[in-house]
Amino acid sequence: MTPREIFALYAEERRSEPVEGLRLELLPYFSRYTPETPGNRGFIVFNRIPQDEVAGQIEEQIRYFSEQGCSFEWKVYDFDEPPNLRELLEQRGFRAEHPEAFMVFPLQGYRPPEGLALPGIRVVKADSPEVVRDAATVQGSVWKEEVAWLAPALTRRLRERSGEFSLYVAYAGEQPVGTGWTDLPANSHFADLRGGAVLPEWRGRGIYSMLLHERCLEAQERGYEYLAVDAAPMSRPILERKGFEFICWTYPLDSRG
């Protein structure tokens, strides 16, 4: 399939995907997610808006989320319609955040690379609160943010979506040094990679590759055709060397300007 065809398949499968804590509405021109808890953000994604209606739709969504008392993100992919949606949102005062590369990895015929095992490093699939807390600890250290909310959120997902979510942590001895998780939605061609992170002092040793391999193998065994990921610009060349195909750029636009 061409990149456009791959994106069209992904968008069709994901436009009706529920998100925890958000109410989904499948509107004629996009999917809209409204927060169920005050203080959280909403978002809009997978746009198919006629050119002659886009200005009105932008104003209507600004009014809608204002009435809900929350800000929102309007996520735009290169293949969305209309092609100038990002520019129109920026003209209306939306702030473009850092773009990400939407990429996919074909799993057919996947084989683990040679030399993958690392002395003293093991990868554990989370099945206990302790491992989940270790994953949150790695995330907080990598992003230098307070992530007290993360361990409870990951624990809840493991409990409530055990068949559609898996979490891995890499350890050097007893120290957690890397993590990554996968969303595995039912009846989909794609599994989604999320949360890939390795502590700065442990990078360049192959730990990321070990975590990626475990997730590739699980998705392959469960019958998925692709892994999908939104990658930061600096991650794109790394993932391309591992066999990921660049599909398009995606741009998060913040209504707060």
Protein backbone atom coordinates (compact mmCIF):
# COMPACT_ATOMS: atom_id res chain seq x y z
CA MET A 1 0.00 0.00 0.00
CA THR A 2 1.04 3.59 -0.55
CA PRO A 3 1.58 5.88 2.47
CA ARG A 4 -1.76 7.55 1.78
CA GLU A 5 -3.54 4.19 1.69
CA ILE A 6 -1.86 3.07 4.92
CA PHE A 7 -2.92 6.29 6.63
CA ALA A 8 -6.48 5.97 5.32
CA LEU A 9 -6.73 2.44 6.77
CA TYR A 10 -5.30 3.59 10.10
CA ALA A 11 -7.63 6.60 10.31
CA GLU A 12 -10.67 4.50 9.48
CA GLU A 13 -9.84 2.03 12.26
CA ARG A 14 -8.92 4.64 14.86
CA ARG A 15 -11.57 7.31 14.32
CA SER A 16 -14.01 5.44 16.58
CA GLU A 17 -11.48 4.39 19.24
CA PRO A 18 -12.53 5.26 22.82
CA VAL A 19 -10.10 7.16 25.04
CA GLU A 20 -10.22 6.86 28.81
CA GLY A 21 -11.68 9.93 30.51
CA LEU A 22 -13.03 11.42 27.28
CA ARG A 23 -16.43 11.24 25.60
CA LEU A 24 -16.21 10.36 21.90
CA GLU A 25 -18.48 11.84 19.26
CA LEU A 26 -18.23 10.64 15.66
CA LEU A 27 -19.14 13.82 13.84
CA PRO A 28 -19.49 14.04 10.05
CA TYR A 29 -16.07 15.64 9.50
CA PHE A 30 -13.89 14.42 12.42
CA SER A 31 -13.80 12.61 15.75
CA ARG A 32 -14.31 14.87 18.78
CA TYR A 33 -13.27 13.95 22.32
CA THR A 34 -14.64 15.92 25.27
CA PRO A 35 -13.14 15.54 28.76
CA GLU A 36 -15.40 14.03 31.38
CA THR A 37 -13.42 15.64 34.21
CA PRO A 38 -13.11 19.43 34.62
CA GLY A 39 -9.61 20.74 33.99
CA ASN A 40 -8.67 18.20 31.33
CA ARG A 41 -8.27 18.92 27.61
CA GLY A 42 -10.31 17.70 24.68
CA PHE A 43 -9.13 17.00 21.17
CA ILE A 44 -10.22 16.66 17.55
CA VAL A 45 -8.62 14.23 15.10
CA PHE A 46 -8.99 12.57 11.65
CA ASN A 47 -10.33 15.48 9.65
CA ARG A 48 -12.35 15.26 6.45
CA ILE A 49 -13.79 18.77 6.24
CA PRO A 50 -15.02 20.29 2.94
CA GLN A 51 -13.05 23.40 2.04
CA ASP A 52 -16.16 25.57 1.94
CA GLU A 53 -17.14 24.53 5.49
CA VAL A 54 -13.80 24.60 7.29
CA ALA A 55 -13.97 28.20 8.54
CA GLY A 56 -17.39 27.59 10.05
CA GLN A 57 -16.29 24.32 11.62
CA ILE A 58 -13.30 26.00 13.26
CA GLU A 59 -15.51 28.67 14.82
CA GLU A 60 -18.10 26.10 15.92
CA GLN A 61 -15.51 23.93 17.69
CA ILE A 62 -13.95 26.93 19.43
CA ARG A 63 -17.41 27.85 20.73
CA TYR A 64 -18.17 24.26 21.72
CA PHE A 65 -15.06 23.73 23.85
CA SER A 66 -15.37 27.21 25.33
CA GLU A 67 -18.87 26.27 26.52
CA GLN A 68 -17.40 23.09 28.01
CA GLY A 69 -14.91 25.22 29.94
CA CYS A 70 -11.81 23.52 28.55
CA SER A 71 -9.05 23.95 26.00
CA PHE A 72 -8.46 21.42 23.24
CA GLU A 73 -5.94 20.12 20.76
CA TRP A 74 -6.73 19.92 17.05
CA LYS A 75 -4.53 17.18 15.63
CA VAL A 76 -3.77 17.47 11.91
CA TYR A 77 -2.12 14.90 9.65
CA ASP A 78 -0.59 15.72 6.26
CA PHE A 79 -3.28 13.64 4.56
CA ASP A 80 -6.21 15.35 6.32
CA GLU A 81 -8.72 17.45 4.44
CA PRO A 82 -8.61 20.27 3.61
CA PRO A 83 -4.86 20.37 2.87
CA ASN A 84 -4.53 23.86 4.36
CA LEU A 85 -6.27 23.04 7.67
CA ARG A 86 -3.12 23.56 9.72
CA GLU A 87 -2.51 27.00 8.23
CA LEU A 88 -6.13 28.02 8.82
CA LEU A 89 -5.96 26.97 12.47
CA GLU A 90 -2.73 28.89 12.99
CA GLN A 91 -4.31 31.97 11.42
CA ARG A 92 -7.16 31.63 13.90
CA GLY A 93 -4.72 31.69 16.81
CA PHE A 94 -3.94 28.01 17.42
CA ARG A 95 -0.35 27.34 18.45
CA ALA A 96 1.50 24.63 16.56
CA GLU A 97 3.39 22.34 18.92
CA HIS A 98 6.29 20.10 17.90
CA PRO A 99 5.38 17.93 14.89
CA GLU A 100 5.66 14.18 15.06
CA ALA A 101 6.34 11.61 12.35
CA PHE A 102 3.60 9.01 11.89
CA MET A 103 5.47 5.81 11.04
CA VAL A 104 4.65 2.14 10.62
CA PHE A 105 6.66 -1.05 10.82
CA PRO A 106 5.55 -4.08 8.75
CA LEU A 107 5.54 -7.18 10.94
CA GLN A 108 5.28 -9.81 8.22
CA GLY A 109 8.46 -11.83 8.27
CA TYR A 110 9.87 -10.02 11.29
CA ARG A 111 12.95 -11.66 12.77
CA PRO A 112 14.90 -10.42 15.79
CA PRO A 113 18.23 -8.77 14.90
CA GLU A 114 21.45 -10.53 15.81
CA GLY A 115 23.24 -9.57 18.99
CA LEU A 116 20.09 -8.36 20.67
CA ALA A 117 20.77 -9.84 24.12
CA LEU A 118 22.78 -7.59 26.45
CA PRO A 119 24.74 -8.87 29.47
CA GLY A 120 23.07 -7.81 32.70
CA ILE A 121 19.95 -6.41 30.98
CA ARG A 122 16.55 -8.09 31.17
CA VAL A 123 13.14 -7.03 29.88
CA VAL A 124 10.10 -7.76 32.02
CA LYS A 125 6.46 -7.68 30.96
CA ALA A 126 4.56 -5.86 33.70
CA ASP A 127 2.33 -8.06 35.85
CA SER A 128 2.68 -6.36 39.24
CA PRO A 129 2.29 -2.89 40.78
CA GLU A 130 6.04 -2.78 41.44
CA VAL A 131 6.92 -3.08 37.74
CA VAL A 132 4.32 -0.47 36.84
CA ARG A 133 5.81 1.95 39.38
CA ASP A 134 9.25 1.30 37.89
CA ALA A 135 7.91 2.24 34.44
CA ALA A 136 6.52 5.49 35.83
CA THR A 137 9.83 6.22 37.55
CA VAL A 138 11.69 5.90 34.23
CA GLN A 139 9.19 8.18 32.49
CA GLY A 140 9.49 10.84 35.19
CA SER A 141 13.29 10.74 35.04
CA VAL A 142 13.44 10.92 31.23
CA TRP A 143 10.96 13.78 30.86
CA LYS A 144 11.91 15.52 34.13
CA GLU A 145 8.25 15.90 35.05
CA GLU A 146 6.02 15.01 37.95
CA VAL A 147 4.14 11.88 36.86
CA ALA A 148 2.31 10.84 40.02
CA TRP A 149 -0.76 10.21 37.85
CA LEU A 150 1.01 7.76 35.53
CA ALA A 151 1.36 4.63 37.69
CA PRO A 152 -2.36 4.60 38.65
CA ALA A 153 -3.33 5.19 35.00
CA LEU A 154 -1.12 2.35 33.73
CA THR A 155 -2.32 0.04 36.52
CA ARG A 156 -5.92 0.77 35.60
CA ARG A 157 -5.26 0.05 31.93
CA LEU A 158 -3.59 -3.26 32.74
CA ARG A 159 -6.56 -4.21 34.91
CA GLU A 160 -9.36 -3.05 32.63
CA ARG A 161 -7.78 -3.69 29.22
CA SER A 162 -5.51 -6.63 29.94
CA GLY A 163 -6.01 -8.08 26.46
CA GLU A 164 -5.44 -4.78 24.65
CA PHE A 165 -2.50 -3.30 26.53
CA SER A 166 0.96 -4.51 27.47
CA LEU A 167 3.79 -2.80 29.33
CA TYR A 168 7.49 -3.65 29.38
CA VAL A 169 10.34 -2.47 31.60
CA ALA A 170 14.07 -3.02 31.02
CA TYR A 171 16.28 -3.57 34.07
CA ALA A 172 20.01 -3.34 34.62
CA GLY A 173 20.28 -5.56 37.64
CA GLU A 174 17.47 -4.25 39.83
CA GLN A 175 17.49 -0.72 38.38
CA PRO A 176 14.72 0.15 35.87
CA VAL A 177 16.43 1.83 32.91
CA GLY A 178 13.89 1.76 30.06
CA THR A 179 10.25 1.21 29.30
CA GLY A 180 7.65 1.05 26.55
CA TRP A 181 4.08 -0.07 26.12
CA THR A 182 1.74 -1.14 23.34
CA ASP A 183 -1.94 -0.64 22.65
CA LEU A 184 -3.35 -3.77 20.99
CA PRO A 185 -6.88 -2.93 19.86
CA ALA A 186 -9.12 -5.75 18.72
CA ASN A 187 -9.92 -6.22 15.03
CA SER A 188 -7.19 -3.88 13.82
CA HIS A 189 -4.29 -4.08 11.40
CA PHE A 190 -2.21 -1.86 13.70
CA ALA A 191 -0.75 -2.07 17.18
CA ASP A 192 0.35 1.30 18.61
CA LEU A 193 3.74 1.82 20.26
CA ARG A 194 3.80 4.32 23.11
CA GLY A 195 5.97 5.37 26.03
CA GLY A 196 9.34 4.34 24.60
CA ALA A 197 12.02 5.79 26.89
CA VAL A 198 15.51 4.93 28.12
CA LEU A 199 17.42 6.78 30.84
CA PRO A 200 20.01 9.12 29.23
CA GLU A 201 22.99 7.41 30.84
CA TRP A 202 21.86 4.03 29.47
CA ARG A 203 21.23 5.05 25.87
CA GLY A 204 23.26 3.76 22.95
CA ARG A 205 23.62 0.27 24.40
CA GLY A 206 20.74 -1.47 22.63
CA ILE A 207 18.14 -1.29 25.40
CA TYR A 208 15.63 0.50 23.19
CA SER A 209 16.07 -2.28 20.60
CA MET A 210 15.39 -4.94 23.23
CA LEU A 211 12.17 -3.21 24.27
CA LEU A 212 11.15 -2.78 20.64
CA HIS A 213 11.81 -6.44 19.89
CA GLU A 214 9.55 -7.65 22.70
CA ARG A 215 6.71 -5.49 21.42
CA CYS A 216 7.29 -6.48 17.79
CA LEU A 217 7.21 -10.15 18.72
CA GLU A 218 4.03 -9.86 20.77
CA ALA A 219 2.20 -7.90 18.06
CA GLN A 220 3.36 -10.33 15.38
CA GLU A 221 2.26 -13.36 17.39
CA ARG A 222 -1.16 -11.78 17.88
CA GLY A 223 -1.65 -11.27 14.15
CA TYR A 224 -1.12 -7.54 13.67
CA GLU A 225 0.26 -6.41 10.32
CA TYR A 226 1.88 -3.17 11.47
CA LEU A 227 3.27 -1.35 14.46
CA ALA A 228 2.36 2.34 14.37
CA VAL A 229 4.03 5.17 16.24
CA ASP A 230 4.06 8.98 16.47
CA ALA A 231 7.78 9.73 16.65
CA ALA A 232 9.60 12.94 17.53
CA PRO A 233 11.68 14.34 14.63
CA MET A 234 14.95 13.15 16.19
CA SER A 235 13.52 9.64 16.52
CA ARG A 236 12.51 9.36 12.87
CA PRO A 237 15.97 8.47 11.46
CA ILE A 238 16.55 5.99 14.29
CA LEU A 239 13.27 4.20 13.57
CA GLU A 240 13.88 4.27 9.82
CA ARG A 241 17.15 2.42 10.38
CA LYS A 242 15.14 -0.21 12.25
CA GLY A 243 12.77 -0.65 9.29
CA PHE A 244 9.96 1.79 10.07
CA GLU A 245 8.37 3.55 7.11
CA PHE A 246 7.64 7.27 7.30
CA ILE A 247 3.98 7.88 6.38
CA CYS A 248 3.36 11.56 7.09
CA TRP A 249 3.82 14.36 9.59
CA THR A 250 1.23 15.04 12.24
CA TYR A 251 0.81 18.41 13.95
CA PRO A 252 -0.80 19.04 17.33
CA LEU A 253 -2.35 22.53 17.44
CA ASP A 254 -3.25 24.04 20.81
CA SER A 255 -6.40 26.15 21.07
CA ARG A 256 -4.80 28.20 23.85
CA GLY A 257 -2.57 29.93 21.30
